[in-house]
Amino acid sequence: MASTTDQQHDVVVVVVPLPAQGHLHPALQLSCRLSSANIPVYYVSTTAHVRQAHSRAAGWNPLKTPHLNFIDFPVTFDVPPPNPDASIKFPSQLVPAFKSSMQLRTPVTDLVNKLASISRRVIVVHDFLTSWVVQDVPKIPNTECYCLQTVSAYLMFTYTWEAARPPVPPEAEVVLKQVPSQDGCAPPEVIEFARKQINVIQDAGNIYSTSRVIDGMYLDLTEKMSISKDFKNWALGPFNPVNLEFDKKETAIDRHYSLEWLDKQPASSVIFVSFGSTTSLSEDEIRELAIGRAGSKSTEIYLGPEGRR
């Protein structure tokens, strides 16, 4: 665990991710980019999830990154087993980890208070699902909050469109009408947790894990619906674990074996299908996929980070 010092800084950044891998990693990638500009960055989470962020970083060592500091707080939470046969396919075993973040409200507020006393400005970048944690920050002088959207602007806009159906260009409407309803996608405890994050803080802007090349139309639509002209939307991503500096001449000790396998396949011979991180497959569904794979005479199927095939 790193600690703050009494050194005076002009601007410091505090990053508060949701304790879930799909949120921890984009926040860590953003922290790395910010620290590369010689800005002190404090990445804050539970002890278990700071350790997880370290261990799963791809292609670089966060602990050796200049100006990037880690603050971890010991928090206890249950780790129930997954239930692949649940009626709602959301991996509910993750919910206790989500809720563990709510124990960070006081520690995060105390941290920002201390940093604000020795800095001209403290910028707090919080996950859209940790708004509740940082709700006291705007009361602290010299602070400003920004919301990190770890998903695309397209996905975030689908939530707005499903609820309010604002006018959109024909090309966007054609796509949006094909999006399935979100009803039944998440269990009640997740919906309750998400609702606690709504309207508890007034942010200065959104930071999206996307780029305008990918998501330009939906970023523009989002900006048109902003409640204030001063509210900004930045596309600074995608924040993904690709190591762009990988040198094939070096020993790829940390390179995932699936990439080695992909390198050996003919061009345009592999189809990648992602089921997303907010669903789970039953044993029957896995068996059906295996039967389909066998019938297609394809060579391999990869299911999930656990490496089940």
Protein backbone atom coordinates (compact mmCIF):
# COMPACT_ATOMS: atom_id res chain seq x y z
CA MET A 1 0.00 0.00 0.00
CA ALA A 2 1.39 3.37 -1.00
CA SER A 3 0.89 6.40 1.20
CA THR A 4 0.54 10.07 0.43
CA THR A 5 3.41 12.38 1.26
CA ASP A 6 3.60 15.99 2.30
CA GLN A 7 5.07 16.98 -1.05
CA GLN A 8 3.21 19.86 -2.66
CA HIS A 9 1.70 19.08 -6.07
CA ASP A 10 -0.10 21.26 -8.58
CA VAL A 11 -2.61 18.61 -9.69
CA VAL A 12 -3.14 15.05 -8.51
CA VAL A 13 -5.62 12.44 -9.72
CA VAL A 14 -7.51 9.88 -7.64
CA VAL A 15 -9.02 6.94 -9.56
CA VAL A 16 -11.81 4.89 -7.92
CA PRO A 17 -12.77 1.82 -10.01
CA LEU A 18 -15.56 -0.66 -9.42
CA PRO A 19 -14.06 -3.88 -8.00
CA ALA A 20 -14.67 -6.03 -11.07
CA GLN A 21 -12.07 -6.96 -13.70
CA GLY A 22 -13.87 -5.26 -16.60
CA HIS A 23 -13.75 -2.02 -14.58
CA LEU A 24 -10.45 -2.41 -12.72
CA HIS A 25 -8.40 -2.77 -15.88
CA PRO A 26 -9.72 0.22 -17.88
CA ALA A 27 -9.21 2.37 -14.78
CA LEU A 28 -5.66 1.06 -14.49
CA GLN A 29 -4.93 1.76 -18.16
CA LEU A 30 -6.26 5.31 -17.79
CA SER A 31 -4.16 5.75 -14.63
CA CYS A 32 -1.06 4.70 -16.56
CA ARG A 33 -1.75 7.22 -19.33
CA LEU A 34 -2.30 10.03 -16.85
CA SER A 35 0.82 9.18 -14.86
CA SER A 36 2.88 9.24 -18.07
CA ALA A 37 2.23 13.00 -18.15
CA ASN A 38 4.11 13.31 -14.82
CA ILE A 39 0.87 13.66 -12.89
CA PRO A 40 0.71 11.85 -9.54
CA VAL A 41 -2.10 9.29 -9.76
CA TYR A 42 -3.61 7.36 -6.85
CA TYR A 43 -5.43 4.17 -7.79
CA VAL A 44 -7.78 3.28 -4.93
CA SER A 45 -9.65 0.07 -4.21
CA THR A 46 -9.92 -2.79 -1.74
CA THR A 47 -6.76 -4.73 -0.92
CA ALA A 48 -7.96 -7.79 -2.82
CA HIS A 49 -8.84 -5.83 -5.95
CA VAL A 50 -5.67 -3.74 -6.05
CA ARG A 51 -3.80 -7.05 -5.96
CA GLN A 52 -6.02 -8.35 -8.76
CA ALA A 53 -5.33 -5.28 -10.89
CA HIS A 54 -1.56 -5.78 -10.41
CA SER A 55 -1.58 -9.46 -11.26
CA ARG A 56 -3.71 -9.17 -14.39
CA ALA A 57 -1.98 -6.20 -15.98
CA ALA A 58 -0.78 -7.27 -19.43
CA GLY A 59 2.61 -6.36 -20.83
CA TRP A 60 3.73 -3.91 -18.15
CA ASN A 61 4.40 -3.69 -14.43
CA PRO A 62 2.10 -1.18 -12.69
CA LEU A 63 4.25 -1.27 -9.54
CA LYS A 64 7.23 0.09 -11.50
CA THR A 65 5.30 2.84 -13.28
CA PRO A 66 6.51 6.32 -12.26
CA HIS A 67 3.95 8.60 -10.59
CA LEU A 68 1.42 5.74 -10.29
CA ASN A 69 0.56 5.01 -6.66
CA PHE A 70 -1.73 2.38 -5.17
CA ILE A 71 -3.90 2.87 -2.10
CA ASP A 72 -5.59 -0.27 -0.85
CA PHE A 73 -8.04 -0.59 2.02
CA PRO A 74 -8.71 -3.90 3.79
CA VAL A 75 -12.35 -4.78 3.18
CA THR A 76 -14.07 -8.11 3.79
CA PHE A 77 -16.80 -9.57 1.61
CA ASP A 78 -18.32 -12.93 0.74
CA VAL A 79 -17.26 -14.93 -2.32
CA PRO A 80 -20.20 -17.23 -3.09
CA PRO A 81 -19.91 -19.97 -5.72
CA PRO A 82 -21.35 -19.28 -9.20
CA ASN A 83 -24.74 -20.68 -10.14
CA PRO A 84 -24.68 -21.38 -13.91
CA ASP A 85 -28.26 -22.68 -13.77
CA ALA A 86 -29.77 -19.48 -12.35
CA SER A 87 -32.78 -18.10 -14.23
CA ILE A 88 -30.98 -14.75 -14.72
CA LYS A 89 -27.58 -15.34 -16.33
CA PHE A 90 -25.82 -12.41 -14.70
CA PRO A 91 -22.89 -13.78 -12.59
CA SER A 92 -24.45 -12.91 -9.22
CA GLN A 93 -21.41 -14.25 -7.34
CA LEU A 94 -19.75 -10.92 -8.21
CA VAL A 95 -22.35 -8.79 -6.42
CA PRO A 96 -20.71 -8.98 -2.94
CA ALA A 97 -17.49 -7.63 -4.49
CA PHE A 98 -19.47 -4.77 -6.08
CA LYS A 99 -21.03 -3.92 -2.74
CA SER A 100 -17.66 -4.07 -0.97
CA SER A 101 -16.76 -0.81 -2.72
CA MET A 102 -19.38 1.00 -0.66
CA GLN A 103 -17.19 0.51 2.41
CA LEU A 104 -14.68 2.88 0.80
CA ARG A 105 -16.77 6.04 1.11
CA THR A 106 -15.11 7.35 4.29
CA PRO A 107 -11.54 6.22 3.44
CA VAL A 108 -11.74 7.78 -0.04
CA THR A 109 -13.13 11.03 1.37
CA ASP A 110 -10.32 11.17 3.94
CA LEU A 111 -7.73 10.51 1.23
CA VAL A 112 -9.05 13.28 -1.01
CA ASN A 113 -9.16 15.66 1.96
CA LYS A 114 -5.49 14.99 2.69
CA LEU A 115 -4.46 15.40 -0.95
CA ALA A 116 -6.51 18.60 -1.28
CA SER A 117 -4.59 20.10 1.64
CA ILE A 118 -1.28 19.77 -0.24
CA SER A 119 -2.40 20.24 -3.86
CA ARG A 120 -3.84 23.05 -5.90
CA ARG A 121 -6.35 20.70 -7.53
CA VAL A 122 -7.52 17.14 -6.93
CA ILE A 123 -9.24 15.40 -9.82
CA VAL A 124 -11.32 12.36 -8.87
CA VAL A 125 -12.10 9.91 -11.67
CA HIS A 126 -14.69 7.42 -10.47
CA ASP A 127 -16.39 4.50 -12.16
CA PHE A 128 -20.02 5.13 -13.07
CA LEU A 129 -20.82 2.43 -10.52
CA THR A 130 -18.80 4.01 -7.69
CA SER A 131 -20.59 7.37 -7.69
CA TRP A 132 -21.99 6.58 -4.25
CA VAL A 133 -18.45 6.17 -2.88
CA VAL A 134 -17.30 9.66 -3.93
CA GLN A 135 -20.50 11.57 -3.19
CA ASP A 136 -18.80 13.62 -0.42
CA VAL A 137 -15.91 14.75 -2.62
CA PRO A 138 -17.61 17.84 -4.15
CA LYS A 139 -17.84 19.34 -0.65
CA ILE A 140 -14.04 19.40 -0.46
CA PRO A 141 -12.37 22.58 -1.80
CA ASN A 142 -10.12 22.30 -4.86
CA THR A 143 -11.74 19.11 -6.16
CA GLU A 144 -13.44 18.09 -9.38
CA CYS A 145 -15.09 14.80 -10.32
CA TYR A 146 -15.26 12.96 -13.63
CA CYS A 147 -17.16 9.77 -14.38
CA LEU A 148 -15.32 6.90 -16.10
CA GLN A 149 -17.62 4.98 -18.43
CA THR A 150 -15.83 1.67 -18.89
CA VAL A 151 -18.17 0.71 -21.73
CA SER A 152 -18.81 2.28 -25.12
CA ALA A 153 -20.81 5.45 -25.69
CA TYR A 154 -23.08 3.32 -27.88
CA LEU A 155 -24.00 1.04 -24.98
CA MET A 156 -24.54 3.94 -22.58
CA PHE A 157 -26.75 5.67 -25.12
CA THR A 158 -28.88 2.54 -25.53
CA TYR A 159 -29.91 2.92 -21.88
CA THR A 160 -31.10 6.47 -22.56
CA TRP A 161 -32.81 5.52 -25.79
CA GLU A 162 -34.68 2.58 -24.27
CA ALA A 163 -35.95 4.77 -21.42
CA ALA A 164 -36.79 8.02 -23.23
CA ARG A 165 -36.62 7.38 -27.00
CA PRO A 166 -35.04 10.75 -27.89
CA PRO A 167 -34.93 11.65 -31.61
CA VAL A 168 -31.90 10.19 -33.38
CA PRO A 169 -30.65 10.06 -36.99
CA PRO A 170 -32.18 7.28 -39.14
CA GLU A 171 -28.92 5.34 -39.27
CA ALA A 172 -28.76 5.27 -35.46
CA GLU A 173 -32.43 4.38 -35.08
CA VAL A 174 -32.03 1.33 -37.34
CA VAL A 175 -29.28 0.02 -35.04
CA LEU A 176 -30.96 0.94 -31.76
CA LYS A 177 -34.21 -0.79 -32.69
CA GLN A 178 -32.30 -4.06 -33.02
CA VAL A 179 -30.98 -3.90 -29.46
CA PRO A 180 -32.78 -6.41 -27.20
CA SER A 181 -34.54 -5.09 -24.11
CA GLN A 182 -32.52 -5.02 -20.91
CA ASP A 183 -35.41 -6.49 -18.94
CA GLY A 184 -34.30 -9.64 -17.16
CA CYS A 185 -30.59 -9.04 -17.83
CA ALA A 186 -29.65 -8.34 -14.21
CA PRO A 187 -30.90 -9.64 -10.87
CA PRO A 188 -32.70 -7.28 -8.44
CA GLU A 189 -29.65 -6.83 -6.21
CA VAL A 190 -27.61 -5.49 -9.16
CA ILE A 191 -30.37 -3.12 -10.21
CA GLU A 192 -30.65 -1.86 -6.63
CA PHE A 193 -26.87 -1.33 -6.45
CA ALA A 194 -26.85 0.57 -9.77
CA ARG A 195 -29.76 2.80 -8.70
CA LYS A 196 -27.79 3.93 -5.66
CA GLN A 197 -25.21 5.44 -8.01
CA ILE A 198 -27.69 7.68 -9.85
CA ASN A 199 -27.83 11.44 -9.22
CA VAL A 200 -25.70 11.36 -6.06
CA ILE A 201 -22.97 13.54 -7.56
CA GLN A 202 -22.65 16.27 -10.16
CA ASP A 203 -19.70 15.42 -12.38
CA ALA A 204 -17.80 17.79 -14.64
CA GLY A 205 -17.80 15.27 -17.48
CA ASN A 206 -17.62 11.70 -18.75
CA ILE A 207 -14.54 9.78 -19.85
CA TYR A 208 -15.38 6.92 -22.22
CA SER A 209 -13.37 3.78 -22.96
CA THR A 210 -13.79 4.33 -26.68
CA SER A 211 -12.69 6.57 -29.53
CA ARG A 212 -14.57 8.92 -31.82
CA VAL A 213 -13.54 6.79 -34.79
CA ILE A 214 -15.56 3.93 -33.28
CA ASP A 215 -18.30 5.76 -31.40
CA GLY A 216 -18.49 9.24 -32.91
CA MET A 217 -22.23 9.25 -33.70
CA TYR A 218 -23.24 8.13 -30.21
CA LEU A 219 -20.85 10.54 -28.51
CA ASP A 220 -22.42 13.36 -30.51
CA LEU A 221 -25.92 12.21 -29.52
CA THR A 222 -24.85 11.99 -25.88
CA GLU A 223 -23.41 15.51 -25.99
CA LYS A 224 -26.67 16.89 -27.38
CA MET A 225 -28.47 15.52 -24.34
CA SER A 226 -26.00 16.94 -21.79
CA ILE A 227 -27.71 18.94 -19.08
CA SER A 228 -25.08 21.69 -19.29
CA LYS A 229 -22.84 23.12 -21.99
CA ASP A 230 -20.00 22.92 -19.47
CA PHE A 231 -20.41 19.14 -19.14
CA LYS A 232 -17.80 17.46 -21.32
CA ASN A 233 -17.53 14.01 -22.90
CA TRP A 234 -14.10 12.65 -23.72
CA ALA A 235 -13.29 9.52 -25.74
CA LEU A 236 -9.84 8.50 -24.49
CA GLY A 237 -9.91 4.73 -25.09
CA PRO A 238 -10.30 1.99 -25.79
CA PHE A 239 -8.60 0.99 -22.55
CA ASN A 240 -7.65 -2.61 -23.29
CA PRO A 241 -4.86 -4.97 -22.21
CA VAL A 242 -3.07 -5.11 -25.57
CA ASN A 243 0.68 -4.66 -25.27
CA LEU A 244 1.44 -2.41 -28.24
CA GLU A 245 5.18 -2.51 -27.53
CA PHE A 246 5.52 -6.29 -27.73
CA ASP A 247 8.74 -7.29 -29.48
CA LYS A 248 8.51 -10.70 -31.20
CA LYS A 249 12.27 -11.07 -30.85
CA GLU A 250 11.88 -11.16 -27.07
CA THR A 251 10.74 -14.13 -25.02
CA ALA A 252 6.97 -13.87 -24.66
CA ILE A 253 6.78 -15.28 -21.14
CA ASP A 254 3.73 -13.24 -20.22
CA ARG A 255 1.95 -13.69 -23.53
CA HIS A 256 -1.27 -15.70 -23.32
CA TYR A 257 -1.11 -19.08 -25.06
CA SER A 258 -4.22 -18.24 -27.09
CA LEU A 259 -2.23 -15.55 -28.93
CA GLU A 260 0.46 -18.06 -29.79
CA TRP A 261 -2.25 -20.35 -31.18
CA LEU A 262 -3.80 -17.51 -33.19
CA ASP A 263 -0.45 -16.65 -34.78
CA LYS A 264 -0.33 -20.16 -36.27
CA GLN A 265 -3.77 -20.00 -37.94
CA PRO A 266 -4.35 -19.06 -41.61
CA ALA A 267 -5.56 -15.54 -42.29
CA SER A 268 -9.33 -15.02 -41.91
CA SER A 269 -9.80 -18.54 -40.54
CA VAL A 270 -10.77 -17.69 -36.95
CA ILE A 271 -14.10 -16.36 -35.70
CA PHE A 272 -14.18 -14.82 -32.23
CA VAL A 273 -17.50 -14.74 -30.37
CA SER A 274 -17.79 -12.94 -27.02
CA PHE A 275 -20.66 -13.73 -24.69
CA GLY A 276 -19.73 -10.78 -22.49
CA SER A 277 -18.77 -10.65 -18.83
CA THR A 278 -22.30 -10.24 -17.47
CA THR A 279 -23.63 -13.63 -18.44
CA SER A 280 -22.87 -17.27 -17.71
CA LEU A 281 -23.34 -20.54 -19.54
CA SER A 282 -24.98 -23.64 -18.12
CA GLU A 283 -23.45 -27.07 -18.63
CA ASP A 284 -26.17 -27.84 -21.20
CA GLU A 285 -25.34 -24.69 -23.15
CA ILE A 286 -21.63 -25.50 -23.10
CA ARG A 287 -22.43 -29.02 -24.32
CA GLU A 288 -24.52 -27.62 -27.21
CA LEU A 289 -21.68 -25.30 -28.20
CA ALA A 290 -19.30 -28.25 -28.19
CA ILE A 291 -21.68 -30.24 -30.42
CA GLY A 292 -21.93 -27.29 -32.79
CA ARG A 293 -18.16 -26.97 -32.84
CA ALA A 294 -17.78 -30.66 -33.66
CA GLY A 295 -20.36 -30.40 -36.45
CA SER A 296 -18.58 -27.41 -37.98
CA LYS A 297 -15.29 -29.35 -38.06
CA SER A 298 -13.52 -26.36 -36.53
CA THR A 299 -10.37 -27.12 -34.58
CA GLU A 300 -10.95 -25.44 -31.23
CA ILE A 301 -13.38 -23.49 -29.10
CA TYR A 302 -12.34 -21.28 -26.20
CA LEU A 303 -14.82 -20.49 -23.46
CA GLY A 304 -14.00 -17.81 -20.92
CA PRO A 305 -11.00 -16.73 -18.86
CA GLU A 306 -10.92 -20.01 -16.93
CA GLY A 307 -9.73 -21.72 -20.11
CA ARG A 308 -12.55 -24.26 -20.35
CA ARG A 309 -12.80 -25.68 -23.87
